[in-house]
Amino acid sequence: KDRLQFFRIAAGSAAEVRAALDVARALGMVGAAPTAEAELDRVLA
């Protein structure tokens, strides 16, 4: 269970990456980041 908890924390941090990208995009600070977003989807899966 200790192992699973670290992987759950990693998934939470990955969700935080997604949210930060969404905020930056919503504020017009960055455009699309297809490479990063594809890797993010892969990591989350």
Full PDB file with SEQRES, HELIX, SHEET, SSBOND, CRYST1, ORIGX, SCALE, CONECT and MASTER records, all heavy atoms in Angstrom:
SEQRES   1 A   45  LYS ASP ARG LEU GLN PHE PHE ARG ILE ALA ALA GLY SER          
SEQRES   2 A   45  ALA ALA GLU VAL ARG ALA ALA LEU ASP VAL ALA ARG ALA          
SEQRES   3 A   45  LEU GLY MET VAL GLY ALA ALA PRO THR ALA GLU ALA GLU          
SEQRES   4 A   45  LEU ASP ARG VAL LEU ALA                                      
HELIX    1 AA1 ASP A    2  ALA A   26  1                                  25    
HELIX    2 AA2 PRO A   34  LEU A   44  1                                  11    
CRYST1    1.000    1.000    1.000  90.00  90.00  90.00 P 1           1          
ORIGX1      1.000000  0.000000  0.000000        0.00000                         
ORIGX2      0.000000  1.000000  0.000000        0.00000                         
ORIGX3      0.000000  0.000000  1.000000        0.00000                         
SCALE1      1.000000  0.000000  0.000000        0.00000                         
SCALE2      0.000000  1.000000  0.000000        0.00000                         
SCALE3      0.000000  0.000000  1.000000        0.00000                         
ATOM      1  N   LYS A   1       0.817  -1.211   0.000  1.00  0.00           N  
ATOM      2  CA  LYS A   1       0.000   0.000   0.000  1.00  0.00           C  
ATOM      3  C   LYS A   1       0.852   1.264   0.000  1.00  0.00           C  
ATOM      4  O   LYS A   1       0.446   2.289  -0.520  1.00  0.00           O  
ATOM      5  CB  LYS A   1      -0.955  -0.004   1.187  1.00  0.00           C  
ATOM      6  CG  LYS A   1      -2.038  -1.042   1.066  1.00  0.00           C  
ATOM      7  CD  LYS A   1      -3.019  -0.967   2.203  1.00  0.00           C  
ATOM      8  CE  LYS A   1      -4.059  -2.057   2.020  1.00  0.00           C  
ATOM      9  NZ  LYS A   1      -5.118  -1.975   2.971  1.00  0.00           N  
ATOM     10  N   ASP A   2       2.028   1.180   0.596  1.00  0.00           N  
ATOM     11  CA  ASP A   2       2.947   2.311   0.619  1.00  0.00           C  
ATOM     12  C   ASP A   2       3.326   2.690  -0.815  1.00  0.00           C  
ATOM     13  O   ASP A   2       3.346   3.857  -1.185  1.00  0.00           O  
ATOM     14  CB  ASP A   2       4.183   1.936   1.433  1.00  0.00           C  
ATOM     15  CG  ASP A   2       4.982   3.134   1.894  1.00  0.00           C  
ATOM     16  OD1 ASP A   2       4.390   4.210   2.072  1.00  0.00           O  
ATOM     17  OD2 ASP A   2       6.198   2.978   2.086  1.00  0.00           O  
ATOM     18  N   ARG A   3       3.600   1.683  -1.632  1.00  0.00           N  
ATOM     19  CA  ARG A   3       3.943   1.889  -3.045  1.00  0.00           C  
ATOM     20  C   ARG A   3       2.793   2.587  -3.774  1.00  0.00           C  
ATOM     21  O   ARG A   3       3.002   3.567  -4.482  1.00  0.00           O  
ATOM     22  CB  ARG A   3       4.251   0.530  -3.671  1.00  0.00           C  
ATOM     23  CG  ARG A   3       4.566   0.558  -5.143  1.00  0.00           C  
ATOM     24  CD  ARG A   3       4.832  -0.890  -5.609  1.00  0.00           C  
ATOM     25  NE  ARG A   3       5.021  -0.989  -7.021  1.00  0.00           N  
ATOM     26  CZ  ARG A   3       6.200  -1.015  -7.630  1.00  0.00           C  
ATOM     27  NH1 ARG A   3       7.305  -0.947  -6.919  1.00  0.00           N  
ATOM     28  NH2 ARG A   3       6.281  -1.114  -8.931  1.00  0.00           N  
ATOM     29  N   LEU A   4       1.581   2.076  -3.562  1.00  0.00           N  
ATOM     30  CA  LEU A   4       0.408   2.668  -4.219  1.00  0.00           C  
ATOM     31  C   LEU A   4       0.206   4.119  -3.808  1.00  0.00           C  
ATOM     32  O   LEU A   4      -0.181   4.952  -4.628  1.00  0.00           O  
ATOM     33  CB  LEU A   4      -0.851   1.857  -3.895  1.00  0.00           C  
ATOM     34  CG  LEU A   4      -0.976   0.498  -4.566  1.00  0.00           C  
ATOM     35  CD1 LEU A   4      -2.247  -0.208  -4.086  1.00  0.00           C  
ATOM     36  CD2 LEU A   4      -0.983   0.628  -6.071  1.00  0.00           C  
ATOM     37  N   GLN A   5       0.461   4.427  -2.562  1.00  0.00           N  
ATOM     38  CA  GLN A   5       0.277   5.799  -2.091  1.00  0.00           C  
ATOM     39  C   GLN A   5       1.199   6.765  -2.833  1.00  0.00           C  
ATOM     40  O   GLN A   5       0.774   7.859  -3.205  1.00  0.00           O  
ATOM     41  CB  GLN A   5       0.501   5.888  -0.578  1.00  0.00           C  
ATOM     42  CG  GLN A   5       0.272   7.268  -0.013  1.00  0.00           C  
ATOM     43  CD  GLN A   5      -1.148   7.796  -0.227  1.00  0.00           C  
ATOM     44  OE1 GLN A   5      -2.099   7.050  -0.462  1.00  0.00           O  
ATOM     45  NE2 GLN A   5      -1.300   9.097  -0.166  1.00  0.00           N  
ATOM     46  N   PHE A   6       2.439   6.384  -3.067  1.00  0.00           N  
ATOM     47  CA  PHE A   6       3.354   7.264  -3.808  1.00  0.00           C  
ATOM     48  C   PHE A   6       2.881   7.443  -5.251  1.00  0.00           C  
ATOM     49  O   PHE A   6       2.986   8.542  -5.810  1.00  0.00           O  
ATOM     50  CB  PHE A   6       4.792   6.731  -3.763  1.00  0.00           C  
ATOM     51  CG  PHE A   6       5.489   7.083  -2.485  1.00  0.00           C  
ATOM     52  CD1 PHE A   6       5.564   6.176  -1.450  1.00  0.00           C  
ATOM     53  CD2 PHE A   6       6.048   8.344  -2.304  1.00  0.00           C  
ATOM     54  CE1 PHE A   6       6.198   6.496  -0.260  1.00  0.00           C  
ATOM     55  CE2 PHE A   6       6.678   8.678  -1.116  1.00  0.00           C  
ATOM     56  CZ  PHE A   6       6.750   7.751  -0.089  1.00  0.00           C  
ATOM     57  N   PHE A   7       2.360   6.383  -5.848  1.00  0.00           N  
ATOM     58  CA  PHE A   7       1.854   6.507  -7.214  1.00  0.00           C  
ATOM     59  C   PHE A   7       0.593   7.379  -7.249  1.00  0.00           C  
ATOM     60  O   PHE A   7       0.377   8.133  -8.195  1.00  0.00           O  
ATOM     61  CB  PHE A   7       1.580   5.136  -7.823  1.00  0.00           C  
ATOM     62  CG  PHE A   7       2.823   4.303  -8.028  1.00  0.00           C  
ATOM     63  CD1 PHE A   7       2.753   2.923  -8.027  1.00  0.00           C  
ATOM     64  CD2 PHE A   7       4.068   4.892  -8.211  1.00  0.00           C  
ATOM     65  CE1 PHE A   7       3.885   2.152  -8.219  1.00  0.00           C  
ATOM     66  CE2 PHE A   7       5.214   4.131  -8.400  1.00  0.00           C  
ATOM     67  CZ  PHE A   7       5.120   2.754  -8.400  1.00  0.00           C  
ATOM     68  N   ARG A   8      -0.218   7.311  -6.198  1.00  0.00           N  
ATOM     69  CA  ARG A   8      -1.395   8.189  -6.112  1.00  0.00           C  
ATOM     70  C   ARG A   8      -0.973   9.651  -5.961  1.00  0.00           C  
ATOM     71  O   ARG A   8      -1.582  10.548  -6.544  1.00  0.00           O  
ATOM     72  CB  ARG A   8      -2.284   7.767  -4.948  1.00  0.00           C  
ATOM     73  CG  ARG A   8      -3.043   6.499  -5.198  1.00  0.00           C  
ATOM     74  CD  ARG A   8      -3.974   6.154  -4.033  1.00  0.00           C  
ATOM     75  NE  ARG A   8      -4.578   4.870  -4.248  1.00  0.00           N  
ATOM     76  CZ  ARG A   8      -4.375   3.798  -3.486  1.00  0.00           C  
ATOM     77  NH1 ARG A   8      -3.594   3.872  -2.425  1.00  0.00           N  
ATOM     78  NH2 ARG A   8      -4.961   2.651  -3.766  1.00  0.00           N  
ATOM     79  N   ILE A   9       0.048   9.891  -5.174  1.00  0.00           N  
ATOM     80  CA  ILE A   9       0.559  11.256  -5.014  1.00  0.00           C  
ATOM     81  C   ILE A   9       1.098  11.760  -6.347  1.00  0.00           C  
ATOM     82  O   ILE A   9       0.855  12.910  -6.735  1.00  0.00           O  
ATOM     83  CB  ILE A   9       1.629  11.320  -3.906  1.00  0.00           C  
ATOM     84  CG1 ILE A   9       0.990  11.048  -2.540  1.00  0.00           C  
ATOM     85  CG2 ILE A   9       2.342  12.667  -3.914  1.00  0.00           C  
ATOM     86  CD1 ILE A   9       1.992  10.786  -1.427  1.00  0.00           C  
ATOM     87  N   ALA A  10       1.809  10.904  -7.071  1.00  0.00           N  
ATOM     88  CA  ALA A  10       2.332  11.278  -8.391  1.00  0.00           C  
ATOM     89  C   ALA A  10       1.182  11.636  -9.331  1.00  0.00           C  
ATOM     90  O   ALA A  10       1.263  12.617 -10.080  1.00  0.00           O  
ATOM     91  CB  ALA A  10       3.174  10.149  -8.979  1.00  0.00           C  
ATOM     92  N   ALA A  11       0.099  10.864  -9.273  1.00  0.00           N  
ATOM     93  CA  ALA A  11      -1.070  11.158 -10.117  1.00  0.00           C  
ATOM     94  C   ALA A  11      -1.695  12.495  -9.731  1.00  0.00           C  
ATOM     95  O   ALA A  11      -2.123  13.268 -10.601  1.00  0.00           O  
ATOM     96  CB  ALA A  11      -2.100  10.029 -10.012  1.00  0.00           C  
ATOM     97  N   GLY A  12      -1.740  12.783  -8.440  1.00  0.00           N  
ATOM     98  CA  GLY A  12      -2.252  14.078  -7.993  1.00  0.00           C  
ATOM     99  C   GLY A  12      -1.390  15.225  -8.495  1.00  0.00           C  
ATOM    100  O   GLY A  12      -1.896  16.267  -8.930  1.00  0.00           O  
ATOM    101  N   SER A  13      -0.089  15.032  -8.464  1.00  0.00           N  
ATOM    102  CA  SER A  13       0.816  16.065  -8.975  1.00  0.00           C  
ATOM    103  C   SER A  13       0.656  16.225 -10.484  1.00  0.00           C  
ATOM    104  O   SER A  13       0.734  17.335 -11.011  1.00  0.00           O  
ATOM    105  CB  SER A  13       2.265  15.719  -8.628  1.00  0.00           C  
ATOM    106  OG  SER A  13       2.461  15.795  -7.234  1.00  0.00           O  
ATOM    107  N   ALA A  14       0.423  15.125 -11.187  1.00  0.00           N  
ATOM    108  CA  ALA A  14       0.182  15.205 -12.630  1.00  0.00           C  
ATOM    109  C   ALA A  14      -1.108  15.985 -12.913  1.00  0.00           C  
ATOM    110  O   ALA A  14      -1.168  16.781 -13.859  1.00  0.00           O  
ATOM    111  CB  ALA A  14       0.111  13.812 -13.240  1.00  0.00           C  
ATOM    112  N   ALA A  15      -2.122  15.784 -12.086  1.00  0.00           N  
ATOM    113  CA  ALA A  15      -3.356  16.566 -12.227  1.00  0.00           C  
ATOM    114  C   ALA A  15      -3.083  18.046 -11.976  1.00  0.00           C  
ATOM    115  O   ALA A  15      -3.667  18.925 -12.617  1.00  0.00           O  
ATOM    116  CB  ALA A  15      -4.428  16.042 -11.272  1.00  0.00           C  
ATOM    117  N   GLU A  16      -2.175  18.335 -11.047  1.00  0.00           N  
ATOM    118  CA  GLU A  16      -1.789  19.716 -10.778  1.00  0.00           C  
ATOM    119  C   GLU A  16      -1.059  20.320 -11.979  1.00  0.00           C  
ATOM    120  O   GLU A  16      -1.267  21.491 -12.313  1.00  0.00           O  
ATOM    121  CB  GLU A  16      -0.900  19.771  -9.533  1.00  0.00           C  
ATOM    122  CG  GLU A  16      -0.557  21.175  -9.106  1.00  0.00           C  
ATOM    123  CD  GLU A  16       0.271  21.214  -7.833  1.00  0.00           C  
ATOM    124  OE1 GLU A  16       0.519  20.161  -7.214  1.00  0.00           O  
ATOM    125  OE2 GLU A  16       0.682  22.323  -7.463  1.00  0.00           O  
ATOM    126  N   VAL A  17      -0.241  19.525 -12.662  1.00  0.00           N  
ATOM    127  CA  VAL A  17       0.411  19.993 -13.889  1.00  0.00           C  
ATOM    128  C   VAL A  17      -0.649  20.375 -14.909  1.00  0.00           C  
ATOM    129  O   VAL A  17      -0.588  21.440 -15.531  1.00  0.00           O  
ATOM    130  CB  VAL A  17       1.366  18.909 -14.463  1.00  0.00           C  
ATOM    131  CG1 VAL A  17       1.814  19.269 -15.879  1.00  0.00           C  
ATOM    132  CG2 VAL A  17       2.567  18.721 -13.552  1.00  0.00           C  
ATOM    133  N   ARG A  18      -1.640  19.498 -15.073  1.00  0.00           N  
ATOM    134  CA  ARG A  18      -2.725  19.774 -16.034  1.00  0.00           C  
ATOM    135  C   ARG A  18      -3.437  21.076 -15.665  1.00  0.00           C  
ATOM    136  O   ARG A  18      -3.703  21.919 -16.523  1.00  0.00           O  
ATOM    137  CB  ARG A  18      -3.713  18.613 -16.043  1.00  0.00           C  
ATOM    138  CG  ARG A  18      -5.009  18.902 -16.749  1.00  0.00           C  
ATOM    139  CD  ARG A  18      -5.153  18.403 -18.140  1.00  0.00           C  
ATOM    140  NE  ARG A  18      -4.966  16.972 -18.185  1.00  0.00           N  
ATOM    141  CZ  ARG A  18      -4.346  16.365 -19.193  1.00  0.00           C  
ATOM    142  NH1 ARG A  18      -3.871  17.051 -20.191  1.00  0.00           N  
ATOM    143  NH2 ARG A  18      -4.202  15.067 -19.200  1.00  0.00           N  
ATOM    144  N   ALA A  19      -3.751  21.262 -14.400  1.00  0.00           N  
ATOM    145  CA  ALA A  19      -4.459  22.468 -13.956  1.00  0.00           C  
ATOM    146  C   ALA A  19      -3.613  23.720 -14.187  1.00  0.00           C  
ATOM    147  O   ALA A  19      -4.132  24.749 -14.632  1.00  0.00           O  
ATOM    148  CB  ALA A  19      -4.839  22.339 -12.484  1.00  0.00           C  
ATOM    149  N   ALA A  20      -2.326  23.644 -13.907  1.00  0.00           N  
ATOM    150  CA  ALA A  20      -1.445  24.805 -14.116  1.00  0.00           C  
ATOM    151  C   ALA A  20      -1.386  25.164 -15.600  1.00  0.00           C  
ATOM    152  O   ALA A  20      -1.411  26.353 -15.954  1.00  0.00           O  
ATOM    153  CB  ALA A  20      -0.049  24.522 -13.573  1.00  0.00           C  
ATOM    154  N   LEU A  21      -1.331  24.151 -16.458  1.00  0.00           N  
ATOM    155  CA  LEU A  21      -1.361  24.420 -17.902  1.00  0.00           C  
ATOM    156  C   LEU A  21      -2.681  25.057 -18.309  1.00  0.00           C  
ATOM    157  O   LEU A  21      -2.707  25.999 -19.115  1.00  0.00           O  
ATOM    158  CB  LEU A  21      -1.134  23.124 -18.691  1.00  0.00           C  
ATOM    159  CG  LEU A  21       0.278  22.569 -18.689  1.00  0.00           C  
ATOM    160  CD1 LEU A  21       0.307  21.180 -19.324  1.00  0.00           C  
ATOM    161  CD2 LEU A  21       1.222  23.511 -19.414  1.00  0.00           C  
ATOM    162  N   ASP A  22      -3.778  24.565 -17.743  1.00  0.00           N  
ATOM    163  CA  ASP A  22      -5.101  25.142 -18.039  1.00  0.00           C  
ATOM    164  C   ASP A  22      -5.178  26.605 -17.612  1.00  0.00           C  
ATOM    165  O   ASP A  22      -5.702  27.447 -18.341  1.00  0.00           O  
ATOM    166  CB  ASP A  22      -6.206  24.337 -17.344  1.00  0.00           C  
ATOM    167  CG  ASP A  22      -6.425  22.961 -17.937  1.00  0.00           C  
ATOM    168  OD1 ASP A  22      -5.935  22.698 -19.067  1.00  0.00           O  
ATOM    169  OD2 ASP A  22      -7.087  22.141 -17.268  1.00  0.00           O  
ATOM    170  N   VAL A  23      -4.664  26.909 -16.425  1.00  0.00           N  
ATOM    171  CA  VAL A  23      -4.679  28.286 -15.919  1.00  0.00           C  
ATOM    172  C   VAL A  23      -3.844  29.183 -16.828  1.00  0.00           C  
ATOM    173  O   VAL A  23      -4.275  30.267 -17.225  1.00  0.00           O  
ATOM    174  CB  VAL A  23      -4.168  28.347 -14.458  1.00  0.00           C  
ATOM    175  CG1 VAL A  23      -3.898  29.778 -14.027  1.00  0.00           C  
ATOM    176  CG2 VAL A  23      -5.177  27.690 -13.520  1.00  0.00           C  
ATOM    177  N   ALA A  24      -2.644  28.737 -17.154  1.00  0.00           N  
ATOM    178  CA  ALA A  24      -1.757  29.534 -18.007  1.00  0.00           C  
ATOM    179  C   ALA A  24      -2.389  29.789 -19.368  1.00  0.00           C  
ATOM    180  O   ALA A  24      -2.318  30.901 -19.912  1.00  0.00           O  
ATOM    181  CB  ALA A  24      -0.415  28.836 -18.166  1.00  0.00           C  
ATOM    182  N   ARG A  25      -3.055  28.776 -19.912  1.00  0.00           N  
ATOM    183  CA  ARG A  25      -3.736  28.932 -21.205  1.00  0.00           C  
ATOM    184  C   ARG A  25      -4.929  29.872 -21.082  1.00  0.00           C  
ATOM    185  O   ARG A  25      -5.142  30.737 -21.921  1.00  0.00           O  
ATOM    186  CB  ARG A  25      -4.158  27.559 -21.719  1.00  0.00           C  
ATOM    187  CG  ARG A  25      -3.961  27.401 -23.188  1.00  0.00           C  
ATOM    188  CD  ARG A  25      -4.333  26.055 -23.774  1.00  0.00           C  
ATOM    189  NE  ARG A  25      -4.691  24.989 -22.863  1.00  0.00           N  
ATOM    190  CZ  ARG A  25      -3.838  24.073 -22.402  1.00  0.00           C  
ATOM    191  NH1 ARG A  25      -2.575  24.114 -22.734  1.00  0.00           N  
ATOM    192  NH2 ARG A  25      -4.252  23.122 -21.594  1.00  0.00           N  
ATOM    193  N   ALA A  26      -5.705  29.718 -20.012  1.00  0.00           N  
ATOM    194  CA  ALA A  26      -6.890  30.568 -19.809  1.00  0.00           C  
ATOM    195  C   ALA A  26      -6.502  32.035 -19.655  1.00  0.00           C  
ATOM    196  O   ALA A  26      -7.255  32.927 -20.061  1.00  0.00           O  
ATOM    197  CB  ALA A  26      -7.670  30.093 -18.582  1.00  0.00           C  
ATOM    198  N   LEU A  27      -5.339  32.291 -19.087  1.00  0.00           N  
ATOM    199  CA  LEU A  27      -4.869  33.661 -18.911  1.00  0.00           C  
ATOM    200  C   LEU A  27      -4.105  34.174 -20.132  1.00  0.00           C  
ATOM    201  O   LEU A  27      -3.609  35.294 -20.119  1.00  0.00           O  
ATOM    202  CB  LEU A  27      -3.979  33.747 -17.664  1.00  0.00           C  
ATOM    203  CG  LEU A  27      -4.703  33.507 -16.337  1.00  0.00           C  
ATOM    204  CD1 LEU A  27      -3.704  33.434 -15.183  1.00  0.00           C  
ATOM    205  CD2 LEU A  27      -5.747  34.585 -16.083  1.00  0.00           C  
ATOM    206  N   GLY A  28      -4.001  33.354 -21.156  1.00  0.00           N  
ATOM    207  CA  GLY A  28      -3.325  33.763 -22.383  1.00  0.00           C  
ATOM    208  C   GLY A  28      -1.815  33.827 -22.270  1.00  0.00           C  
ATOM    209  O   GLY A  28      -1.159  34.489 -23.062  1.00  0.00           O  
ATOM    210  N   MET A  29      -1.248  33.143 -21.293  1.00  0.00           N  
ATOM    211  CA  MET A  29       0.200  33.187 -21.075  1.00  0.00           C  
ATOM    212  C   MET A  29       0.951  32.169 -21.925  1.00  0.00           C  
ATOM    213  O   MET A  29       2.133  32.359 -22.211  1.00  0.00           O  
ATOM    214  CB  MET A  29       0.516  32.938 -19.602  1.00  0.00           C  
ATOM    215  CG  MET A  29       0.000  34.010 -18.690  1.00  0.00           C  
ATOM    216  SD  MET A  29       0.353  33.542 -16.993  1.00  0.00           S  
ATOM    217  CE  MET A  29      -0.542  34.797 -16.126  1.00  0.00           C  
ATOM    218  N   VAL A  30       0.301  31.067 -22.276  1.00  0.00           N  
ATOM    219  CA  VAL A  30       0.918  30.042 -23.115  1.00  0.00           C  
ATOM    220  C   VAL A  30      -0.117  29.529 -24.110  1.00  0.00           C  
ATOM    221  O   VAL A  30      -1.316  29.631 -23.887  1.00  0.00           O  
ATOM    222  CB  VAL A  30       1.472  28.846 -22.292  1.00  0.00           C  
ATOM    223  CG1 VAL A  30       2.553  29.286 -21.327  1.00  0.00           C  
ATOM    224  CG2 VAL A  30       0.369  28.107 -21.571  1.00  0.00           C  
ATOM    225  N   GLY A  31       0.395  28.973 -25.189  1.00  0.00           N  
ATOM    226  CA  GLY A  31      -0.473  28.321 -26.156  1.00  0.00           C  
ATOM    227  C   GLY A  31      -0.527  26.834 -25.870  1.00  0.00           C  
ATOM    228  O   GLY A  31      -0.196  26.380 -24.773  1.00  0.00           O  
ATOM    229  N   ALA A  32      -0.891  26.091 -26.878  1.00  0.00           N  
ATOM    230  CA  ALA A  32      -0.941  24.640 -26.738  1.00  0.00           C  
ATOM    231  C   ALA A  32       0.471  24.099 -26.537  1.00  0.00           C  
ATOM    232  O   ALA A  32       1.442  24.660 -27.034  1.00  0.00           O  
ATOM    233  CB  ALA A  32      -1.574  24.021 -27.981  1.00  0.00           C  
ATOM    234  N   ALA A  33       0.554  23.033 -25.797  1.00  0.00           N  
ATOM    235  CA  ALA A  33       1.831  22.350 -25.555  1.00  0.00           C  
ATOM    236  C   ALA A  33       1.627  20.875 -25.870  1.00  0.00           C  
ATOM    237  O   ALA A  33       1.560  20.046 -24.970  1.00  0.00           O  
ATOM    238  CB  ALA A  33       2.267  22.557 -24.108  1.00  0.00           C  
ATOM    239  N   PRO A  34       1.506  20.546 -27.177  1.00  0.00           N  
ATOM    240  CA  PRO A  34       1.114  19.180 -27.548  1.00  0.00           C  
ATOM    241  C   PRO A  34       2.060  18.088 -27.047  1.00  0.00           C  
ATOM    242  O   PRO A  34       1.609  17.029 -26.619  1.00  0.00           O  
ATOM    243  CB  PRO A  34       1.052  19.215 -29.072  1.00  0.00           C  
ATOM    244  CG  PRO A  34       1.707  20.468 -29.499  1.00  0.00           C  
ATOM    245  CD  PRO A  34       1.714  21.400 -28.327  1.00  0.00           C  
ATOM    246  N   THR A  35       3.357  18.332 -27.063  1.00  0.00           N  
ATOM    247  CA  THR A  35       4.306  17.316 -26.595  1.00  0.00           C  
ATOM    248  C   THR A  35       4.116  17.054 -25.110  1.00  0.00           C  
ATOM    249  O   THR A  35       3.999  15.902 -24.677  1.00  0.00           O  
ATOM    250  CB  THR A  35       5.759  17.754 -26.873  1.00  0.00           C  
ATOM    251  OG1 THR A  35       5.904  17.971 -28.271  1.00  0.00           O  
ATOM    252  CG2 THR A  35       6.749  16.717 -26.401  1.00  0.00           C  
ATOM    253  N   ALA A  36       4.075  18.118 -24.330  1.00  0.00           N  
ATOM    254  CA  ALA A  36       3.901  17.970 -22.886  1.00  0.00           C  
ATOM    255  C   ALA A  36       2.549  17.353 -22.559  1.00  0.00           C  
ATOM    256  O   ALA A  36       2.454  16.485 -21.688  1.00  0.00           O  
ATOM    257  CB  ALA A  36       4.051  19.323 -22.196  1.00  0.00           C  
ATOM    258  N   GLU A  37       1.506  17.777 -23.258  1.00  0.00           N  
ATOM    259  CA  GLU A  37       0.169  17.255 -22.966  1.00  0.00           C  
ATOM    260  C   GLU A  37       0.045  15.781 -23.343  1.00  0.00           C  
ATOM    261  O   GLU A  37      -0.605  15.013 -22.628  1.00  0.00           O  
ATOM    262  CB  GLU A  37      -0.882  18.116 -23.642  1.00  0.00           C  
ATOM    263  CG  GLU A  37      -0.943  19.496 -22.993  1.00  0.00           C  
ATOM    264  CD  GLU A  37      -1.929  20.438 -23.650  1.00  0.00           C  
ATOM    265  OE1 GLU A  37      -2.989  19.971 -24.095  1.00  0.00           O  
ATOM    266  OE2 GLU A  37      -1.625  21.637 -23.708  1.00  0.00           O  
ATOM    267  N   ALA A  38       0.688  15.372 -24.427  1.00  0.00           N  
ATOM    268  CA  ALA A  38       0.671  13.952 -24.807  1.00  0.00           C  
ATOM    269  C   ALA A  38       1.397  13.114 -23.757  1.00  0.00           C  
ATOM    270  O   ALA A  38       0.921  12.041 -23.363  1.00  0.00           O  
ATOM    271  CB  ALA A  38       1.305  13.770 -26.180  1.00  0.00           C  
ATOM    272  N   GLU A  39       2.542  13.602 -23.286  1.00  0.00           N  
ATOM    273  CA  GLU A  39       3.277  12.882 -22.243  1.00  0.00           C  
ATOM    274  C   GLU A  39       2.483  12.863 -20.941  1.00  0.00           C  
ATOM    275  O   GLU A  39       2.479  11.863 -20.224  1.00  0.00           O  
ATOM    276  CB  GLU A  39       4.658  13.493 -22.010  1.00  0.00           C  
ATOM    277  CG  GLU A  39       5.678  13.104 -23.043  1.00  0.00           C  
ATOM    278  CD  GLU A  39       5.933  11.605 -23.123  1.00  0.00           C  
ATOM    279  OE1 GLU A  39       6.130  10.949 -22.078  1.00  0.00           O  
ATOM    280  OE2 GLU A  39       5.943  11.087 -24.248  1.00  0.00           O  
ATOM    281  N   LEU A  40       1.813  13.957 -20.634  1.00  0.00           N  
ATOM    282  CA  LEU A  40       0.992  14.022 -19.425  1.00  0.00           C  
ATOM    283  C   LEU A  40      -0.120  12.980 -19.483  1.00  0.00           C  
ATOM    284  O   LEU A  40      -0.359  12.253 -18.512  1.00  0.00           O  
ATOM    285  CB  LEU A  40       0.420  15.427 -19.248  1.00  0.00           C  
ATOM    286  CG  LEU A  40      -0.456  15.661 -18.031  1.00  0.00           C  
ATOM    287  CD1 LEU A  40       0.287  15.348 -16.743  1.00  0.00           C  
ATOM    288  CD2 LEU A  40      -0.942  17.113 -18.025  1.00  0.00           C  
ATOM    289  N   ASP A  41      -0.790  12.873 -20.627  1.00  0.00           N  
ATOM    290  CA  ASP A  41      -1.838  11.855 -20.789  1.00  0.00           C  
ATOM    291  C   ASP A  41      -1.262  10.451 -20.614  1.00  0.00           C  
ATOM    292  O   ASP A  41      -1.874   9.595 -19.967  1.00  0.00           O  
ATOM    293  CB  ASP A  41      -2.494  11.974 -22.168  1.00  0.00           C  
ATOM    294  CG  ASP A  41      -3.368  13.199 -22.309  1.00  0.00           C  
ATOM    295  OD1 ASP A  41      -3.779  13.779 -21.278  1.00  0.00           O  
ATOM    296  OD2 ASP A  41      -3.644  13.593 -23.464  1.00  0.00           O  
ATOM    297  N   ARG A  42      -0.094  10.235 -21.164  1.00  0.00           N  
ATOM    298  CA  ARG A  42       0.563   8.928 -21.067  1.00  0.00           C  
ATOM    299  C   ARG A  42       0.908   8.598 -19.617  1.00  0.00           C  
ATOM    300  O   ARG A  42       0.662   7.485 -19.140  1.00  0.00           O  
ATOM    301  CB  ARG A  42       1.811   8.959 -21.945  1.00  0.00           C  
ATOM    302  CG  ARG A  42       2.483   7.655 -22.106  1.00  0.00           C  
ATOM    303  CD  ARG A  42       3.529   7.744 -23.225  1.00  0.00           C  
ATOM    304  NE  ARG A  42       4.346   6.565 -23.139  1.00  0.00           N  
ATOM    305  CZ  ARG A  42       5.653   6.561 -23.017  1.00  0.00           C  
ATOM    306  NH1 ARG A  42       6.326   7.684 -23.001  1.00  0.00           N  
ATOM    307  NH2 ARG A  42       6.314   5.434 -22.936  1.00  0.00           N  
ATOM    308  N   VAL A  43       1.480   9.565 -18.913  1.00  0.00           N  
ATOM    309  CA  VAL A  43       1.841   9.359 -17.510  1.00  0.00           C  
ATOM    310  C   VAL A  43       0.592   9.074 -16.674  1.00  0.00           C  
ATOM    311  O   VAL A  43       0.584   8.146 -15.859  1.00  0.00           O  
ATOM    312  CB  VAL A  43       2.607  10.588 -16.956  1.00  0.00           C  
ATOM    313  CG1 VAL A  43       2.715  10.539 -15.442  1.00  0.00           C  
ATOM    314  CG2 VAL A  43       3.988  10.686 -17.587  1.00  0.00           C  
ATOM    315  N   LEU A  44      -0.456   9.852 -16.880  1.00  0.00           N  
ATOM    316  CA  LEU A  44      -1.689   9.637 -16.114  1.00  0.00           C  
ATOM    317  C   LEU A  44      -2.288   8.258 -16.386  1.00  0.00           C  
ATOM    318  O   LEU A  44      -2.772   7.597 -15.461  1.00  0.00           O  
ATOM    319  CB  LEU A  44      -2.700  10.742 -16.420  1.00  0.00           C  
ATOM    320  CG  LEU A  44      -2.433  12.063 -15.713  1.00  0.00           C  
ATOM    321  CD1 LEU A  44      -3.258  13.186 -16.327  1.00  0.00           C  
ATOM    322  CD2 LEU A  44      -2.709  11.946 -14.228  1.00  0.00           C  
ATOM    323  N   ALA A  45      -2.242   7.808 -17.633  1.00  0.00           N  
ATOM    324  CA  ALA A  45      -2.763   6.471 -17.965  1.00  0.00           C  
ATOM    325  C   ALA A  45      -1.937   5.390 -17.279  1.00  0.00           C  
ATOM    326  O   ALA A  45      -2.497   4.429 -16.714  1.00  0.00           O  
ATOM    327  CB  ALA A  45      -2.754   6.270 -19.476  1.00  0.00           C  
TER     328      ALA A  45                                                      
MASTER        0    0    0    2    0    0    0    6  327    1    0    4          
END                                                                             
